[in-house]
Every structure is written in structure tokens, then in C-alpha cells.
N, C-alpha and C. Protein backbone atom coordinates (compact mmCIF):
# COMPACT_ATOMS: atom_id res chain seq x y z
N MET A 1 0.84 -1.18 0.00
CA MET A 1 0.00 0.00 0.00
C MET A 1 0.88 1.24 0.00
N ASN A 2 0.52 2.20 -0.82
CA ASN A 2 1.27 3.44 -0.92
C ASN A 2 0.85 4.36 0.22
N ASN A 3 1.75 4.59 1.18
CA ASN A 3 1.41 5.42 2.33
C ASN A 3 1.60 6.90 2.05
N LYS A 4 2.23 7.22 0.96
CA LYS A 4 2.47 8.62 0.65
C LYS A 4 1.43 9.11 -0.34
N VAL A 5 0.37 9.68 0.18
CA VAL A 5 -0.70 10.24 -0.64
C VAL A 5 -0.45 11.74 -0.73
N SER A 6 -0.36 12.25 -1.94
CA SER A 6 -0.03 13.65 -2.13
C SER A 6 -1.26 14.54 -1.93
N PRO A 7 -1.05 15.81 -1.62
CA PRO A 7 -2.18 16.73 -1.46
C PRO A 7 -3.09 16.81 -2.69
N PRO A 8 -2.56 16.82 -3.93
CA PRO A 8 -3.47 16.83 -5.08
C PRO A 8 -4.37 15.60 -5.12
N GLN A 9 -3.84 14.45 -4.73
CA GLN A 9 -4.66 13.25 -4.71
C GLN A 9 -5.76 13.35 -3.66
N ILE A 10 -5.43 13.90 -2.50
CA ILE A 10 -6.43 14.08 -1.45
C ILE A 10 -7.52 15.05 -1.92
N ILE A 11 -7.12 16.12 -2.59
CA ILE A 11 -8.09 17.10 -3.07
C ILE A 11 -9.02 16.47 -4.10
N ILE A 12 -8.49 15.68 -5.02
CA ILE A 12 -9.33 15.06 -6.04
C ILE A 12 -10.28 14.05 -5.41
N MET A 13 -9.79 13.23 -4.48
CA MET A 13 -10.67 12.25 -3.84
C MET A 13 -11.77 12.94 -3.03
N ALA A 14 -11.42 13.98 -2.28
CA ALA A 14 -12.42 14.69 -1.48
C ALA A 14 -13.42 15.40 -2.38
N SER A 15 -12.95 16.00 -3.47
CA SER A 15 -13.85 16.70 -4.39
C SER A 15 -14.80 15.74 -5.07
N GLY A 16 -14.31 14.57 -5.45
CA GLY A 16 -15.18 13.56 -6.04
C GLY A 16 -16.25 13.11 -5.07
N ALA A 17 -15.87 12.93 -3.79
CA ALA A 17 -16.84 12.55 -2.76
C ALA A 17 -17.87 13.65 -2.53
N VAL A 18 -17.44 14.90 -2.54
CA VAL A 18 -18.36 16.02 -2.37
C VAL A 18 -19.33 16.09 -3.55
N MET A 19 -18.84 15.86 -4.75
CA MET A 19 -19.72 15.87 -5.92
C MET A 19 -20.74 14.74 -5.85
N LEU A 20 -20.32 13.57 -5.41
CA LEU A 20 -21.25 12.46 -5.27
C LEU A 20 -22.30 12.75 -4.21
N LEU A 21 -21.89 13.29 -3.08
CA LEU A 21 -22.84 13.66 -2.03
C LEU A 21 -23.82 14.72 -2.53
N GLY A 22 -23.30 15.74 -3.19
CA GLY A 22 -24.15 16.81 -3.71
C GLY A 22 -25.13 16.33 -4.76
N SER A 23 -24.78 15.28 -5.48
CA SER A 23 -25.67 14.80 -6.54
C SER A 23 -26.96 14.20 -5.99
N PHE A 24 -26.96 13.79 -4.73
CA PHE A 24 -28.17 13.23 -4.13
C PHE A 24 -29.04 14.28 -3.45
N LEU A 25 -28.53 15.48 -3.27
CA LEU A 25 -29.29 16.55 -2.65
C LEU A 25 -30.05 17.36 -3.71
N LYS A 26 -30.92 18.24 -3.25
CA LYS A 26 -31.71 19.08 -4.16
C LYS A 26 -30.77 19.91 -5.03
N PHE A 27 -30.94 19.77 -6.32
CA PHE A 27 -30.05 20.42 -7.26
C PHE A 27 -30.71 21.63 -7.92
N TYR A 28 -31.80 21.40 -8.60
CA TYR A 28 -32.44 22.43 -9.41
C TYR A 28 -33.94 22.24 -9.25
N GLY A 29 -34.60 23.23 -8.70
CA GLY A 29 -36.00 23.05 -8.39
C GLY A 29 -36.13 22.00 -7.31
N ASP A 30 -36.85 20.93 -7.59
CA ASP A 30 -36.99 19.83 -6.64
C ASP A 30 -36.26 18.58 -7.09
N ASP A 31 -35.45 18.67 -8.12
CA ASP A 31 -34.75 17.51 -8.68
C ASP A 31 -33.34 17.40 -8.12
N ASN A 32 -32.84 16.16 -8.10
CA ASN A 32 -31.43 15.95 -7.85
C ASN A 32 -30.80 15.42 -9.14
N ALA A 33 -29.54 15.09 -9.11
CA ALA A 33 -28.86 14.68 -10.33
C ALA A 33 -29.32 13.33 -10.85
N TRP A 34 -29.99 12.54 -10.03
CA TRP A 34 -30.36 11.19 -10.41
C TRP A 34 -31.86 11.05 -10.67
N SER A 35 -32.60 12.13 -10.62
CA SER A 35 -34.06 12.03 -10.69
C SER A 35 -34.57 12.01 -12.12
N GLY A 36 -34.94 10.86 -12.57
CA GLY A 36 -35.73 10.68 -13.77
C GLY A 36 -35.20 11.19 -15.08
N GLY A 37 -33.93 11.37 -15.26
CA GLY A 37 -33.39 11.73 -16.56
C GLY A 37 -33.60 13.18 -16.96
N SER A 38 -34.12 14.01 -16.05
CA SER A 38 -34.33 15.40 -16.42
C SER A 38 -33.03 16.20 -16.42
N LEU A 39 -32.01 15.69 -15.75
CA LEU A 39 -30.74 16.40 -15.67
C LEU A 39 -29.57 15.48 -16.02
N PRO A 40 -29.55 14.91 -17.24
CA PRO A 40 -28.49 13.94 -17.54
C PRO A 40 -27.09 14.55 -17.57
N ILE A 41 -26.99 15.83 -17.85
CA ILE A 41 -25.67 16.46 -17.90
C ILE A 41 -25.09 16.53 -16.49
N ILE A 42 -25.93 16.78 -15.53
CA ILE A 42 -25.44 16.84 -14.16
C ILE A 42 -25.05 15.45 -13.67
N THR A 43 -25.79 14.45 -14.10
CA THR A 43 -25.40 13.07 -13.78
C THR A 43 -24.02 12.77 -14.34
N LEU A 44 -23.74 13.27 -15.54
CA LEU A 44 -22.42 13.09 -16.15
C LEU A 44 -21.34 13.75 -15.31
N ALA A 45 -21.59 14.95 -14.81
CA ALA A 45 -20.61 15.63 -13.96
C ALA A 45 -20.35 14.83 -12.69
N ALA A 46 -21.40 14.25 -12.11
CA ALA A 46 -21.23 13.44 -10.90
C ALA A 46 -20.42 12.19 -11.22
N TRP A 47 -20.68 11.55 -12.36
CA TRP A 47 -19.91 10.36 -12.75
C TRP A 47 -18.44 10.71 -12.97
N ILE A 48 -18.17 11.87 -13.56
CA ILE A 48 -16.78 12.28 -13.79
C ILE A 48 -16.06 12.44 -12.46
N GLY A 49 -16.68 13.14 -11.52
CA GLY A 49 -16.07 13.31 -10.21
C GLY A 49 -15.83 11.99 -9.50
N LEU A 50 -16.80 11.10 -9.58
CA LEU A 50 -16.67 9.79 -8.95
C LEU A 50 -15.56 8.97 -9.62
N ALA A 51 -15.51 8.98 -10.94
CA ALA A 51 -14.49 8.21 -11.66
C ALA A 51 -13.09 8.72 -11.34
N MET A 52 -12.92 10.03 -11.30
CA MET A 52 -11.60 10.58 -10.97
C MET A 52 -11.18 10.18 -9.57
N ALA A 53 -12.11 10.25 -8.61
CA ALA A 53 -11.79 9.90 -7.23
C ALA A 53 -11.46 8.42 -7.10
N VAL A 54 -12.19 7.57 -7.81
CA VAL A 54 -11.94 6.12 -7.73
C VAL A 54 -10.58 5.77 -8.35
N VAL A 55 -10.25 6.36 -9.48
CA VAL A 55 -8.95 6.08 -10.11
C VAL A 55 -7.80 6.50 -9.20
N ILE A 56 -7.91 7.68 -8.61
CA ILE A 56 -6.87 8.15 -7.69
C ILE A 56 -6.79 7.25 -6.46
N ALA A 57 -7.94 6.86 -5.91
CA ALA A 57 -7.95 5.99 -4.72
C ALA A 57 -7.34 4.62 -5.03
N LEU A 58 -7.65 4.07 -6.20
CA LEU A 58 -7.08 2.78 -6.57
C LEU A 58 -5.56 2.87 -6.70
N GLN A 59 -5.09 3.94 -7.30
CA GLN A 59 -3.64 4.11 -7.45
C GLN A 59 -2.97 4.36 -6.11
N ALA A 60 -3.62 5.12 -5.23
CA ALA A 60 -2.99 5.51 -3.98
C ALA A 60 -3.05 4.42 -2.91
N PHE A 61 -4.18 3.71 -2.81
CA PHE A 61 -4.36 2.80 -1.68
C PHE A 61 -4.31 1.33 -2.05
N ALA A 62 -4.69 0.97 -3.27
CA ALA A 62 -4.74 -0.44 -3.64
C ALA A 62 -3.58 -0.87 -4.51
N ASN A 63 -2.66 0.03 -4.79
CA ASN A 63 -1.51 -0.25 -5.65
C ASN A 63 -1.90 -0.86 -6.99
N VAL A 64 -2.98 -0.39 -7.55
CA VAL A 64 -3.41 -0.84 -8.88
C VAL A 64 -2.50 -0.18 -9.90
N GLN A 65 -1.91 -0.98 -10.75
CA GLN A 65 -1.02 -0.47 -11.78
C GLN A 65 -1.80 -0.29 -13.08
N LEU A 66 -2.18 0.92 -13.37
CA LEU A 66 -2.87 1.24 -14.61
C LEU A 66 -1.83 1.48 -15.70
N PRO A 67 -2.20 1.33 -16.96
CA PRO A 67 -1.22 1.62 -18.02
C PRO A 67 -0.77 3.08 -17.94
N ASP A 68 0.45 3.33 -18.38
CA ASP A 68 0.98 4.68 -18.31
C ASP A 68 0.18 5.65 -19.17
N ARG A 69 -0.32 5.18 -20.29
CA ARG A 69 -1.06 6.04 -21.21
C ARG A 69 -2.36 5.38 -21.63
N VAL A 70 -3.35 6.22 -21.88
CA VAL A 70 -4.64 5.77 -22.41
C VAL A 70 -4.86 6.56 -23.69
N LEU A 71 -4.81 5.87 -24.83
CA LEU A 71 -4.95 6.53 -26.14
C LEU A 71 -4.00 7.70 -26.28
N THR A 72 -2.78 7.52 -25.94
CA THR A 72 -1.67 8.47 -26.00
C THR A 72 -1.74 9.58 -24.95
N PHE A 73 -2.71 9.57 -24.08
CA PHE A 73 -2.82 10.57 -23.03
C PHE A 73 -2.33 9.98 -21.71
N THR A 74 -1.63 10.79 -20.93
CA THR A 74 -1.24 10.35 -19.60
C THR A 74 -2.44 10.50 -18.67
N TRP A 75 -2.37 9.86 -17.52
CA TRP A 75 -3.46 9.96 -16.55
C TRP A 75 -3.58 11.39 -16.03
N THR A 76 -2.47 12.08 -15.91
CA THR A 76 -2.51 13.47 -15.46
C THR A 76 -3.26 14.33 -16.46
N GLN A 77 -3.02 14.13 -17.75
CA GLN A 77 -3.74 14.88 -18.77
C GLN A 77 -5.23 14.55 -18.76
N LEU A 78 -5.55 13.27 -18.59
CA LEU A 78 -6.97 12.89 -18.53
C LEU A 78 -7.66 13.51 -17.33
N HIS A 79 -7.00 13.51 -16.19
CA HIS A 79 -7.60 14.13 -15.01
C HIS A 79 -7.85 15.62 -15.24
N LEU A 80 -6.90 16.29 -15.87
CA LEU A 80 -7.06 17.72 -16.12
C LEU A 80 -8.22 17.99 -17.07
N VAL A 81 -8.31 17.24 -18.15
CA VAL A 81 -9.38 17.45 -19.13
C VAL A 81 -10.75 17.14 -18.51
N LEU A 82 -10.85 16.03 -17.79
CA LEU A 82 -12.12 15.68 -17.18
C LEU A 82 -12.54 16.68 -16.11
N ALA A 83 -11.59 17.17 -15.34
CA ALA A 83 -11.91 18.15 -14.30
C ALA A 83 -12.41 19.45 -14.93
N ILE A 84 -11.76 19.89 -15.99
CA ILE A 84 -12.20 21.13 -16.65
C ILE A 84 -13.57 20.93 -17.28
N TYR A 85 -13.82 19.76 -17.84
CA TYR A 85 -15.13 19.48 -18.44
C TYR A 85 -16.23 19.50 -17.38
N ALA A 86 -15.99 18.86 -16.24
CA ALA A 86 -16.97 18.87 -15.16
C ALA A 86 -17.22 20.29 -14.66
N ALA A 87 -16.16 21.08 -14.55
CA ALA A 87 -16.32 22.46 -14.10
C ALA A 87 -17.10 23.28 -15.12
N LEU A 88 -16.86 23.06 -16.40
CA LEU A 88 -17.62 23.78 -17.43
C LEU A 88 -19.10 23.39 -17.40
N LEU A 89 -19.40 22.13 -17.14
CA LEU A 89 -20.80 21.72 -17.00
C LEU A 89 -21.46 22.46 -15.85
N MET A 90 -20.75 22.58 -14.74
CA MET A 90 -21.33 23.25 -13.58
C MET A 90 -21.47 24.76 -13.80
N VAL A 91 -20.50 25.36 -14.47
CA VAL A 91 -20.60 26.80 -14.78
C VAL A 91 -21.78 27.03 -15.72
N GLY A 92 -21.99 26.12 -16.66
CA GLY A 92 -23.15 26.24 -17.55
C GLY A 92 -24.45 26.24 -16.78
N TRP A 93 -24.56 25.39 -15.76
CA TRP A 93 -25.77 25.38 -14.93
C TRP A 93 -25.84 26.60 -14.04
N LEU A 94 -24.72 27.19 -13.69
CA LEU A 94 -24.73 28.41 -12.90
C LEU A 94 -25.29 29.57 -13.72
N LEU A 95 -24.95 29.60 -15.01
CA LEU A 95 -25.35 30.73 -15.85
C LEU A 95 -26.73 30.58 -16.47
N ILE A 96 -27.34 29.42 -16.35
CA ILE A 96 -28.64 29.19 -16.98
C ILE A 96 -29.72 30.03 -16.31
N LYS A 97 -30.62 30.55 -17.13
CA LYS A 97 -31.75 31.31 -16.61
C LYS A 97 -33.01 30.78 -17.26
N THR A 98 -34.08 30.76 -16.51
CA THR A 98 -35.35 30.31 -17.06
C THR A 98 -36.40 31.38 -16.87
N GLY A 99 -37.05 31.76 -17.95
CA GLY A 99 -38.18 32.69 -17.87
C GLY A 99 -37.86 34.04 -17.28
N GLY A 100 -36.68 34.53 -17.40
CA GLY A 100 -36.34 35.86 -16.92
C GLY A 100 -36.05 35.93 -15.43
N SER A 101 -36.29 34.86 -14.70
CA SER A 101 -35.98 34.87 -13.27
C SER A 101 -34.88 33.85 -12.99
N SER A 102 -34.25 34.03 -11.88
CA SER A 102 -33.18 33.12 -11.49
C SER A 102 -33.77 31.81 -11.00
N PRO A 103 -33.31 30.67 -11.51
CA PRO A 103 -33.84 29.39 -11.05
C PRO A 103 -33.40 29.09 -9.62
N ASP A 104 -34.16 28.24 -8.98
CA ASP A 104 -33.87 27.84 -7.62
C ASP A 104 -32.79 26.77 -7.62
N ARG A 105 -31.61 27.12 -7.16
CA ARG A 105 -30.51 26.16 -7.08
C ARG A 105 -30.38 25.72 -5.63
N GLY A 106 -30.35 24.42 -5.44
CA GLY A 106 -30.30 23.89 -4.09
C GLY A 106 -28.88 23.62 -3.61
N ALA A 107 -28.80 23.03 -2.43
CA ALA A 107 -27.50 22.74 -1.82
C ALA A 107 -26.70 21.75 -2.66
N GLY A 108 -27.41 20.84 -3.35
CA GLY A 108 -26.71 19.88 -4.20
C GLY A 108 -25.94 20.57 -5.31
N PHE A 109 -26.53 21.59 -5.90
CA PHE A 109 -25.83 22.33 -6.96
C PHE A 109 -24.55 22.94 -6.42
N TRP A 110 -24.66 23.62 -5.27
CA TRP A 110 -23.49 24.33 -4.75
C TRP A 110 -22.40 23.36 -4.31
N LEU A 111 -22.78 22.21 -3.76
CA LEU A 111 -21.76 21.22 -3.41
C LEU A 111 -21.08 20.67 -4.66
N MET A 112 -21.86 20.39 -5.69
CA MET A 112 -21.26 19.89 -6.93
C MET A 112 -20.41 20.97 -7.60
N PHE A 113 -20.82 22.21 -7.52
CA PHE A 113 -20.05 23.31 -8.09
C PHE A 113 -18.69 23.43 -7.38
N LEU A 114 -18.71 23.39 -6.05
CA LEU A 114 -17.46 23.46 -5.30
C LEU A 114 -16.60 22.21 -5.53
N GLY A 115 -17.25 21.05 -5.65
CA GLY A 115 -16.51 19.82 -5.94
C GLY A 115 -15.82 19.88 -7.29
N ALA A 116 -16.51 20.43 -8.29
CA ALA A 116 -15.90 20.56 -9.63
C ALA A 116 -14.73 21.53 -9.59
N ALA A 117 -14.87 22.62 -8.83
CA ALA A 117 -13.74 23.55 -8.69
C ALA A 117 -12.57 22.85 -8.01
N GLY A 118 -12.86 22.02 -7.01
CA GLY A 118 -11.81 21.27 -6.34
C GLY A 118 -11.13 20.27 -7.26
N LEU A 119 -11.91 19.66 -8.16
CA LEU A 119 -11.31 18.74 -9.13
C LEU A 119 -10.30 19.47 -10.01
N VAL A 120 -10.66 20.68 -10.44
CA VAL A 120 -9.74 21.46 -11.29
C VAL A 120 -8.48 21.81 -10.51
N VAL A 121 -8.65 22.26 -9.28
CA VAL A 121 -7.48 22.62 -8.46
C VAL A 121 -6.58 21.40 -8.25
N GLY A 122 -7.18 20.28 -7.91
CA GLY A 122 -6.39 19.07 -7.69
C GLY A 122 -5.70 18.59 -8.96
N ALA A 123 -6.40 18.66 -10.10
CA ALA A 123 -5.81 18.21 -11.36
C ALA A 123 -4.65 19.12 -11.79
N VAL A 124 -4.81 20.43 -11.57
CA VAL A 124 -3.72 21.35 -11.91
C VAL A 124 -2.52 21.11 -11.00
N MET A 125 -2.78 20.90 -9.72
CA MET A 125 -1.69 20.60 -8.79
C MET A 125 -1.02 19.28 -9.14
N LEU A 126 -1.81 18.29 -9.53
CA LEU A 126 -1.27 17.00 -9.93
C LEU A 126 -0.40 17.14 -11.17
N ARG A 127 -0.84 17.96 -12.11
CA ARG A 127 -0.06 18.21 -13.32
C ARG A 127 1.26 18.89 -12.99
N ASN A 128 1.22 19.86 -12.08
CA ASN A 128 2.44 20.57 -11.72
C ASN A 128 3.41 19.69 -10.92
N ASP A 129 2.90 18.68 -10.24
CA ASP A 129 3.76 17.77 -9.47
C ASP A 129 4.31 16.63 -10.30
N SER A 130 3.74 16.38 -11.48
CA SER A 130 4.16 15.22 -12.26
C SER A 130 5.54 15.47 -12.88
N PRO A 131 6.36 14.44 -12.96
CA PRO A 131 7.70 14.60 -13.53
C PRO A 131 7.68 15.00 -15.00
N ALA A 132 6.63 14.65 -15.73
CA ALA A 132 6.58 14.98 -17.16
C ALA A 132 6.45 16.48 -17.37
N SER A 133 5.90 17.21 -16.40
CA SER A 133 5.73 18.65 -16.57
C SER A 133 6.97 19.43 -16.15
N ALA A 134 7.97 18.74 -15.61
CA ALA A 134 9.17 19.42 -15.13
C ALA A 134 10.10 19.83 -16.27
N GLY A 135 9.86 19.37 -17.46
CA GLY A 135 10.70 19.72 -18.58
C GLY A 135 11.84 18.73 -18.73
N PRO A 136 12.73 18.99 -19.67
CA PRO A 136 13.84 18.06 -19.90
C PRO A 136 14.79 18.02 -18.72
N SER A 137 15.38 16.85 -18.51
CA SER A 137 16.29 16.70 -17.36
C SER A 137 17.70 17.20 -17.68
N SER A 138 18.01 17.35 -18.94
CA SER A 138 19.32 17.86 -19.31
C SER A 138 19.15 19.01 -20.31
N PRO A 139 20.12 19.91 -20.34
CA PRO A 139 19.99 21.03 -21.26
C PRO A 139 20.05 20.54 -22.71
N PRO A 140 19.41 21.28 -23.60
CA PRO A 140 19.44 20.87 -25.00
C PRO A 140 20.85 20.92 -25.57
N THR A 141 21.13 20.06 -26.49
CA THR A 141 22.45 20.02 -27.12
C THR A 141 22.45 20.93 -28.34
N SER A 142 23.60 21.49 -28.62
CA SER A 142 23.71 22.36 -29.80
C SER A 142 24.03 21.51 -31.02
N PHE A 143 23.70 22.02 -32.14
CA PHE A 143 23.93 21.28 -33.39
C PHE A 143 25.29 21.50 -33.93
């Protein structure tokens, strides 16, 4: 078991858990993210947060060895893209207006919104901590 869990990993796991918790609370009007297919985009954001948290937890605690790359993307790149996508979904719901008045956003929305922001923060920190983002290990050679 890997006892050294980095702060970005903790942030991503906690943010994924917050998004999952928020998805069961009142989100928009009287609906939550799982109620009857009326909010499938929000369900997607919850799945993204949960998937990111599970992948990080498997790598950190269960020593699961995932392939280094998935379709030429590193896991750090995938985490960053998925986190930004989840955050954009939540910002879209923040900006939505219905009938000229502000819609009723519940606690579930705000928890998922903060969770998506946490995913972005954790993914950016994870990217900055990864050895691939440190640049070349030796100076370039001249021709």
C-alpha cells in the first residue's frame, strides 16, 4: 500500500466525494442529479467526479497499476481534461436562466459546483507535481 498520498490526490478524492454527495441533494427546483433523466448532464458531472476519485484511490491505496497512457494521453492529462469538463458543466448550470428569473438552485448544486472547482485545483496541482511537466532533465544540445 502506498502510504504517501499527495495533497493533489487528497483534493481530487475529497472533491469527487463532495460531488457524489451533492448529486443526491436538491439540485435544481426539486430535482437531484439522479431524478428521472431530467438532468443527464449533471449526472455526467457526478460520474466524472466519482471516476476521478476512484482512479486516484485505486492508485494511492490499492496499488493498482494502470497503463501509463490511455490513447496516448497520460493519466494526469486525462484528469485535467475531465476536471475542466466537469467544471464547465457546472458553470453552464450556474449561468442558466429560465423565464427571466433566477432558477432555484439547491445545496446539491453548490456542493457539486465546489466539488468541480476542487477537481480542477487538484488536477492542476497533480499536473504541476508530475515529472513529465518538469521539462527536460538535461539542457538541449547544440547542433
